[in-house]
C-alpha atoms as a PDB file:
ATOM      1  CA  ILE A   1      21.433  77.431 220.284  1.00  0.00           C
ATOM      2  CA  VAL A   2      23.799  75.551 217.938  1.00  0.00           C
ATOM      3  CA  TYR A   3      26.025  78.633 217.757  1.00  0.00           C
ATOM      4  CA  ALA A   4      25.863  79.274 221.520  1.00  0.00           C
ATOM      5  CA  MET A   5      23.382  82.110 221.121  1.00  0.00           C
ATOM      6  CA  ARG A   6      20.780  82.835 223.758  1.00  0.00           C
ATOM      7  CA  CYS A   7      17.125  82.533 222.747  1.00  0.00           C
ATOM      8  CA  GLY A   8      14.342  84.594 224.269  1.00  0.00           C
ATOM      9  CA  PHE A   9      10.597  84.065 224.121  1.00  0.00           C
ATOM     10  CA  TYR A  10       8.047  86.810 224.550  1.00  0.00           C
ATOM     11  CA  GLY A  11       5.455  86.700 227.312  1.00  0.00           C
ATOM     12  CA  GLY A  12       2.526  85.750 225.090  1.00  0.00           C
ATOM     13  CA  ASN A  13       0.822  89.128 224.811  1.00  0.00           C
ATOM     14  CA  PRO A  14       1.758  90.842 221.515  1.00  0.00           C
ATOM     15  CA  LEU A  15       0.223  94.107 222.717  1.00  0.00           C
ATOM     16  CA  LYS A  16       2.764  94.290 225.544  1.00  0.00           C
ATOM     17  CA  MET A  17       5.756  92.994 223.600  1.00  0.00           C
ATOM     18  CA  VAL A  18       7.286  96.401 222.825  1.00  0.00           C
ATOM     19  CA  GLN A  19       6.711  97.835 226.299  1.00  0.00           C
ATOM     20  CA  GLU A  20       7.651  94.782 228.404  1.00  0.00           C
ATOM     21  CA  ASP A  21       9.548  92.083 226.486  1.00  0.00           C
ATOM     22  CA  PHE A  22      11.983  93.950 224.241  1.00  0.00           C
ATOM     23  CA  PRO A  23      13.559  96.044 227.034  1.00  0.00           C
ATOM     24  CA  VAL A  24      14.409  92.796 228.863  1.00  0.00           C
ATOM     25  CA  LEU A  25      15.423  90.571 225.943  1.00  0.00           C
ATOM     26  CA  LYS A  26      17.341  93.217 223.925  1.00  0.00           C
ATOM     27  CA  PRO A  27      17.544  90.938 220.850  1.00  0.00           C
ATOM     28  CA  THR A  28      20.274  91.218 218.216  1.00  0.00           C
ATOM     29  CA  PHE A  29      18.394  89.031 215.714  1.00  0.00           C
ATOM     30  CA  PHE A  30      14.629  89.310 215.524  1.00  0.00           C
ATOM     31  CA  PRO A  31      12.538  86.980 213.322  1.00  0.00           C
ATOM     32  CA  SER A  32       8.817  87.696 213.299  1.00  0.00           C
ATOM     33  CA  VAL A  33       5.624  87.636 211.259  1.00  0.00           C
ATOM     34  CA  PRO A  34       4.375  90.515 209.083  1.00  0.00           C
ATOM     35  CA  ARG A  35       1.492  91.221 211.468  1.00  0.00           C
ATOM     36  CA  LEU A  36       3.880  92.308 214.218  1.00  0.00           C
ATOM     37  CA  TYR A  37       6.022  94.363 211.834  1.00  0.00           C
ATOM     38  CA  ASN A  38       2.866  96.102 210.646  1.00  0.00           C
ATOM     39  CA  ARG A  39       2.041  96.878 214.282  1.00  0.00           C
ATOM     40  CA  ILE A  40       5.539  98.309 214.892  1.00  0.00           C
ATOM     41  CA  TYR A  41       5.251 100.315 211.666  1.00  0.00           C
ATOM     42  CA  GLY A  42       1.928 101.778 212.816  1.00  0.00           C
ATOM     43  CA  LEU A  43       3.276 102.549 216.291  1.00  0.00           C
ATOM     44  CA  ILE A  44       6.257 104.518 214.993  1.00  0.00           C
ATOM     45  CA  LYS A  45       4.202 106.312 212.335  1.00  0.00           C
ATOM     46  CA  SER A  46       1.671 107.415 214.942  1.00  0.00           C
ATOM     47  CA  ARG A  47       4.422 108.677 217.244  1.00  0.00           C
ATOM     48  CA  ILE A  48       5.977 110.718 214.441  1.00  0.00           C
ATOM     49  CA  GLU A  49       2.591 112.166 213.508  1.00  0.00           C
ATOM     50  CA  GLY A  50       2.046 113.087 217.155  1.00  0.00           C
ATOM     51  CA  LEU A  51       5.181 115.226 217.300  1.00  0.00           C
ATOM     52  CA  THR A  52       5.043 118.992 216.864  1.00  0.00           C
ATOM     53  CA  GLY A  53       7.326 121.822 215.806  1.00  0.00           C
ATOM     54  CA  CYS A  54      11.048 121.210 215.341  1.00  0.00           C
ATOM     55  CA  ARG A  55      10.876 117.638 216.637  1.00  0.00           C
ATOM     56  CA  LYS A  56       8.372 116.633 213.969  1.00  0.00           C
ATOM     57  CA  TRP A  57      10.353 118.457 211.264  1.00  0.00           C
ATOM     58  CA  LEU A  58      13.561 116.681 212.309  1.00  0.00           C
ATOM     59  CA  ALA A  59      11.958 113.226 212.427  1.00  0.00           C
ATOM     60  CA  THR A  60      10.288 113.726 209.039  1.00  0.00           C
ATOM     61  CA  LYS A  61      13.480 115.089 207.477  1.00  0.00           C
ATOM     62  CA  ALA A  62      15.534 112.212 208.882  1.00  0.00           C
ATOM     63  CA  LEU A  63      13.065 109.604 207.630  1.00  0.00           C
ATOM     64  CA  ASP A  64      12.826 111.133 204.146  1.00  0.00           C
ATOM     65  CA  THR A  65      16.616 111.379 203.848  1.00  0.00           C
ATOM     66  CA  LYS A  66      17.234 107.788 204.872  1.00  0.00           C
ATOM     67  CA  MET A  67      14.482 106.477 202.597  1.00  0.00           C
ATOM     68  CA  ARG A  68      16.074 108.277 199.643  1.00  0.00           C
ATOM     69  CA  ASN A  69      19.495 106.908 200.575  1.00  0.00           C
ATOM     70  CA  LEU A  70      18.074 103.391 200.821  1.00  0.00           C
ATOM     71  CA  LYS A  71      16.569 103.612 197.344  1.00  0.00           C
ATOM     72  CA  ALA A  72      19.743 105.098 195.853  1.00  0.00           C
ATOM     73  CA  THR A  73      22.506 103.143 197.605  1.00  0.00           C
ATOM     74  CA  GLY A  74      20.972 100.475 199.838  1.00  0.00           C
ATOM     75  CA  GLN A  75      22.418 102.225 202.885  1.00  0.00           C
ATOM     76  CA  VAL A  76      20.404 101.812 206.101  1.00  0.00           C
ATOM     77  CA  THR A  77      22.552 103.937 208.413  1.00  0.00           C
ATOM     78  CA  HIS A  78      23.210 107.681 208.663  1.00  0.00           C
ATOM     79  CA  GLY A  79      25.959 109.214 210.782  1.00  0.00           C
ATOM     80  CA  CYS A  80      23.925 112.203 211.969  1.00  0.00           C
ATOM     81  CA  PHE A  81      20.257 111.209 211.906  1.00  0.00           C
ATOM     82  CA  ASP A  82      20.815 107.837 213.587  1.00  0.00           C
ATOM     83  CA  LYS A  83      22.198 109.584 216.682  1.00  0.00           C
ATOM     84  CA  LEU A  84      19.540 112.292 216.704  1.00  0.00           C
ATOM     85  CA  VAL A  85      16.449 110.273 215.789  1.00  0.00           C
ATOM     86  CA  PHE A  86      16.756 106.586 215.025  1.00  0.00           C
ATOM     87  CA  ASN A  87      18.641 105.392 218.101  1.00  0.00           C
ATOM     88  CA  LYS A  88      15.483 106.288 220.023  1.00  0.00           C
ATOM     89  CA  MET A  89      13.456 104.115 217.655  1.00  0.00           C
ATOM     90  CA  ARG A  90      15.959 101.261 218.001  1.00  0.00           C
ATOM     91  CA  ALA A  91      15.470 101.504 221.754  1.00  0.00           C
ATOM     92  CA  LEU A  92      11.868 100.336 221.253  1.00  0.00           C
ATOM     93  CA  LEU A  93      13.288  96.884 220.428  1.00  0.00           C
ATOM     94  CA  GLY A  94      16.003  96.970 223.068  1.00  0.00           C
ATOM     95  CA  GLY A  95      18.646  98.893 221.114  1.00  0.00           C
ATOM     96  CA  ASN A  96      20.780  95.924 219.977  1.00  0.00           C
ATOM     97  CA  ILE A  97      19.041  94.887 216.744  1.00  0.00           C
ATOM     98  CA  ARG A  98      21.451  93.842 213.957  1.00  0.00           C
ATOM     99  CA  LEU A  99      19.216  91.725 211.725  1.00  0.00           C
ATOM    100  CA  MET A 100      15.471  91.253 211.243  1.00  0.00           C
ATOM    101  CA  SER A 101      13.592  88.699 209.159  1.00  0.00           C
ATOM    102  CA  THR A 102      10.098  87.636 208.225  1.00  0.00           C
ATOM    103  CA  GLY A 103       8.102  85.042 206.333  1.00  0.00           C
ATOM    104  CA  SER A 104       4.789  83.136 206.627  1.00  0.00           C
ATOM    105  CA  ALA A 105       2.695  85.845 204.922  1.00  0.00           C
ATOM    106  CA  PRO A 106       3.019  88.763 202.481  1.00  0.00           C
ATOM    107  CA  ILE A 107       4.475  92.048 203.702  1.00  0.00           C
ATOM    108  CA  SER A 108       4.503  95.327 201.794  1.00  0.00           C
ATOM    109  CA  GLY A 109       7.748  96.812 200.507  1.00  0.00           C
ATOM    110  CA  GLU A 110       6.803 100.098 202.171  1.00  0.00           C
ATOM    111  CA  VAL A 111       6.761  98.483 205.607  1.00  0.00           C
ATOM    112  CA  VAL A 112      10.032  96.618 204.974  1.00  0.00           C
ATOM    113  CA  ASP A 113      11.885  99.754 203.856  1.00  0.00           C
ATOM    114  CA  PHE A 114      10.473 101.728 206.784  1.00  0.00           C
ATOM    115  CA  ILE A 115      11.646  99.073 209.253  1.00  0.00           C
ATOM    116  CA  LYS A 116      15.114  99.000 207.672  1.00  0.00           C
ATOM    117  CA  VAL A 117      15.739 102.718 208.024  1.00  0.00           C
ATOM    118  CA  CYS A 118      14.141 103.047 211.471  1.00  0.00           C
ATOM    119  CA  PHE A 119      16.149 100.220 213.021  1.00  0.00           C
ATOM    120  CA  CYS A 120      19.299 100.759 210.935  1.00  0.00           C
ATOM    121  CA  CYS A 121      19.790  97.106 210.023  1.00  0.00           C
ATOM    122  CA  PRO A 122      19.229  94.598 207.203  1.00  0.00           C
ATOM    123  CA  PHE A 123      15.826  92.963 206.848  1.00  0.00           C
ATOM    124  CA  VAL A 124      15.612  89.489 205.301  1.00  0.00           C
ATOM    125  CA  GLU A 125      12.463  88.188 203.613  1.00  0.00           C
ATOM    126  CA  GLY A 126      11.939  84.459 203.161  1.00  0.00           C
ATOM    127  CA  TYR A 127       9.432  81.803 202.161  1.00  0.00           C
ATOM    128  CA  GLY A 128       8.685  78.281 203.257  1.00  0.00           C
ATOM    129  CA  LEU A 129       6.008  75.711 203.947  1.00  0.00           C
ATOM    130  CA  THR A 130       5.375  73.036 206.536  1.00  0.00           C
ATOM    131  CA  GLU A 131       5.827  70.511 203.729  1.00  0.00           C
ATOM    132  CA  SER A 132       9.310  71.877 202.981  1.00  0.00           C
ATOM    133  CA  SER A 133      10.513  72.011 206.607  1.00  0.00           C
ATOM    134  CA  ALA A 134      10.084  75.789 206.807  1.00  0.00           C
ATOM    135  CA  ALA A 135      12.540  78.015 204.913  1.00  0.00           C
ATOM    136  CA  SER A 136      12.917  77.186 201.213  1.00  0.00           C
ATOM    137  CA  PHE A 137      13.796  80.663 199.938  1.00  0.00           C
ATOM    138  CA  SER A 138      15.660  83.480 201.621  1.00  0.00           C
ATOM    139  CA  GLN A 139      17.296  86.765 200.836  1.00  0.00           C
ATOM    140  CA  ILE A 140      20.895  87.143 201.965  1.00  0.00           C
ATOM    141  CA  PRO A 141      21.619  89.843 204.585  1.00  0.00           C
ATOM    142  CA  GLY A 142      23.429  92.051 202.061  1.00  0.00           C
ATOM    143  CA  ASP A 143      20.414  92.192 199.725  1.00  0.00           C
ATOM    144  CA  MET A 144      18.778  95.568 200.338  1.00  0.00           C
ATOM    145  CA  THR A 145      15.890  95.063 197.907  1.00  0.00           C
ATOM    146  CA  SER A 146      12.355  94.484 199.175  1.00  0.00           C
ATOM    147  CA  GLY A 147       9.236  92.759 197.926  1.00  0.00           C
ATOM    148  CA  ASN A 148      10.930  89.461 197.046  1.00  0.00           C
ATOM    149  CA  ILE A 149      11.830  86.247 198.884  1.00  0.00           C
ATOM    150  CA  GLY A 150      15.351  85.844 197.524  1.00  0.00           C
ATOM    151  CA  GLY A 151      16.463  82.585 195.944  1.00  0.00           C
ATOM    152  CA  PRO A 152      16.271  78.905 196.926  1.00  0.00           C
ATOM    153  CA  VAL A 153      18.324  77.807 199.934  1.00  0.00           C
ATOM    154  CA  ALA A 154      21.205  75.379 199.408  1.00  0.00           C
ATOM    155  CA  ASN A 155      19.255  72.105 199.596  1.00  0.00           C
ATOM    156  CA  VAL A 156      16.260  73.198 197.485  1.00  0.00           C
ATOM    157  CA  LYS A 157      15.701  73.383 193.736  1.00  0.00           C
ATOM    158  CA  LEU A 158      13.073  75.558 192.030  1.00  0.00           C
ATOM    159  CA  ARG A 159      10.979  74.807 188.976  1.00  0.00           C
ATOM    160  CA  LEU A 160       8.156  76.832 187.432  1.00  0.00           C
ATOM    161  CA  ARG A 161       5.066  75.069 186.084  1.00  0.00           C
ATOM    162  CA  ASP A 162       3.137  76.793 183.322  1.00  0.00           C
ATOM    163  CA  ILE A 163      -0.469  77.779 184.100  1.00  0.00           C
ATOM    164  CA  PRO A 164      -1.927  78.632 180.654  1.00  0.00           C
ATOM    165  CA  GLU A 165      -5.429  79.287 181.992  1.00  0.00           C
ATOM    166  CA  MET A 166      -4.000  82.076 184.181  1.00  0.00           C
ATOM    167  CA  ASN A 167      -1.588  83.300 181.483  1.00  0.00           C
ATOM    168  CA  TYR A 168       1.541  82.363 183.451  1.00  0.00           C
ATOM    169  CA  HIS A 169       4.385  80.838 181.431  1.00  0.00           C
ATOM    170  CA  SER A 170       7.932  79.875 182.347  1.00  0.00           C
ATOM    171  CA  THR A 171       9.049  81.110 178.916  1.00  0.00           C
ATOM    172  CA  SER A 172       7.781  84.642 179.577  1.00  0.00           C
ATOM    173  CA  SER A 173      10.118  87.510 180.357  1.00  0.00           C
ATOM    174  CA  PRO A 174      10.410  87.470 183.315  1.00  0.00           C
ATOM    175  CA  PRO A 175       9.548  83.780 183.809  1.00  0.00           C
ATOM    176  CA  GLN A 176       6.320  83.143 185.700  1.00  0.00           C
ATOM    177  CA  GLY A 177       4.527  80.040 186.916  1.00  0.00           C
ATOM    178  CA  GLU A 178       3.583  77.871 189.859  1.00  0.00           C
ATOM    179  CA  ILE A 179       6.499  77.299 192.223  1.00  0.00           C
ATOM    180  CA  LEU A 180       7.544  73.648 192.450  1.00  0.00           C
ATOM    181  CA  LEU A 181      10.096  72.493 195.021  1.00  0.00           C
ATOM    182  CA  TRP A 182      12.526  69.594 195.149  1.00  0.00           C
ATOM    183  CA  GLY A 183      15.102  68.943 197.850  1.00  0.00           C
ATOM    184  CA  THR A 184      16.167  67.011 200.910  1.00  0.00           C
ATOM    185  CA  SER A 185      14.003  69.207 203.134  1.00  0.00           C
ATOM    186  CA  VAL A 186      10.821  68.559 201.132  1.00  0.00           C
ATOM    187  CA  MET A 187       8.527  65.911 202.602  1.00  0.00           C
ATOM    188  CA  GLU A 188       8.039  62.518 200.972  1.00  0.00           C
ATOM    189  CA  GLY A 189       4.280  62.653 201.470  1.00  0.00           C
ATOM    190  CA  TYR A 190       1.382  63.141 203.859  1.00  0.00           C
ATOM    191  CA  PHE A 191       1.123  60.580 206.648  1.00  0.00           C
ATOM    192  CA  LYS A 192      -1.224  57.742 205.659  1.00  0.00           C
ATOM    193  CA  ASN A 193      -2.846  59.860 202.936  1.00  0.00           C
ATOM    194  CA  GLU A 194      -1.760  58.610 199.523  1.00  0.00           C
ATOM    195  CA  GLU A 195      -4.505  60.467 197.662  1.00  0.00           C
ATOM    196  CA  LYS A 196      -3.495  63.866 199.039  1.00  0.00           C
ATOM    197  CA  THR A 197       0.173  63.027 198.427  1.00  0.00           C
ATOM    198  CA  LYS A 198      -0.489  62.256 194.752  1.00  0.00           C
ATOM    199  CA  GLU A 199      -2.329  65.573 194.374  1.00  0.00           C
ATOM    200  CA  ALA A 200       0.574  67.475 195.945  1.00  0.00           C
ATOM    201  CA  PHE A 201       3.353  66.157 193.698  1.00  0.00           C
ATOM    202  CA  LEU A 202       4.276  66.235 190.020  1.00  0.00           C
ATOM    203  CA  GLY A 203       6.771  63.403 189.904  1.00  0.00           C
ATOM    204  CA  ASP A 204       9.299  64.275 192.611  1.00  0.00           C
ATOM    205  CA  TRP A 205       8.348  67.975 192.630  1.00  0.00           C
ATOM    206  CA  PHE A 206       6.095  69.416 195.326  1.00  0.00           C
ATOM    207  CA  LEU A 207       3.340  71.757 194.099  1.00  0.00           C
ATOM    208  CA  THR A 208       3.232  74.800 196.391  1.00  0.00           C
ATOM    209  CA  GLY A 209       0.158  76.438 194.871  1.00  0.00           C
ATOM    210  CA  ASP A 210       1.957  79.787 194.846  1.00  0.00           C
ATOM    211  CA  VAL A 211       2.754  81.611 191.614  1.00  0.00           C
ATOM    212  CA  GLY A 212       6.207  83.148 191.390  1.00  0.00           C
ATOM    213  CA  GLU A 213       8.137  85.450 189.109  1.00  0.00           C
ATOM    214  CA  VAL A 214      11.910  85.056 188.735  1.00  0.00           C
ATOM    215  CA  ALA A 215      14.014  88.198 188.312  1.00  0.00           C
ATOM    216  CA  ASP A 216      17.266  88.415 186.357  1.00  0.00           C
ATOM    217  CA  ASN A 217      19.295  88.070 189.561  1.00  0.00           C
ATOM    218  CA  GLY A 218      17.504  84.844 190.504  1.00  0.00           C
ATOM    219  CA  SER A 219      15.315  86.298 193.230  1.00  0.00           C
ATOM    220  CA  VAL A 220      11.667  85.255 193.342  1.00  0.00           C
ATOM    221  CA  ARG A 221       8.572  87.349 193.900  1.00  0.00           C
ATOM    222  CA  ILE A 222       5.229  85.790 194.871  1.00  0.00           C
ATOM    223  CA  ILE A 223       2.569  87.243 192.584  1.00  0.00           C
ATOM    224  CA  ASP A 224      -0.509  84.995 192.808  1.00  0.00           C
ATOM    225  CA  ARG A 225      -2.081  81.733 193.940  1.00  0.00           C
ATOM    226  CA  ALA A 226      -2.537  78.829 191.545  1.00  0.00           C
ATOM    227  CA  LYS A 227      -5.262  77.168 193.580  1.00  0.00           C
END
């Protein structure tokens, strides 16, 4: 809305979203939860498996080729196969998709890569909590890796807390530990609940309860729960 974009809301029935809502809304940016992406993944997989003869061979060949290209170069488009195969898949979501994103729960790298090649667009993974005003970590659109949540957003700082009893240490290679957050978007405390607030903070740092691993490029991968 701030950037004069139109916002659309689905009709409330996730089972009818693909058939009824997407053809009307034709979104260019689509943020959603892993559960819906898993449903889209299953829908497309079942349609491919239901094909026969040359059509099934072409769809399988196109998918395999684009998956290999994604792994090798990060490329999510293909001059030939997009026209023959994947434009039909893009039509499931209205045909205008340019960027997709997710958060709120884990999603497998297999599903993310599949979505990228089928809809020919970047897919951004992120991480956030109610206590941190939603997004605290995010990949950038040009990052074609999967299975990580990117790095901290501009107003958030990250710290790892050692958990010796779980064998997670910030001095390990790669560094591992409980994710602690500090920033202007992190809450000051729980409303009228000082005891819970004290339990949730280590000094000024909020304890997320999630265990992360930091890669050489600064991206973070959630690997466990600390509590």
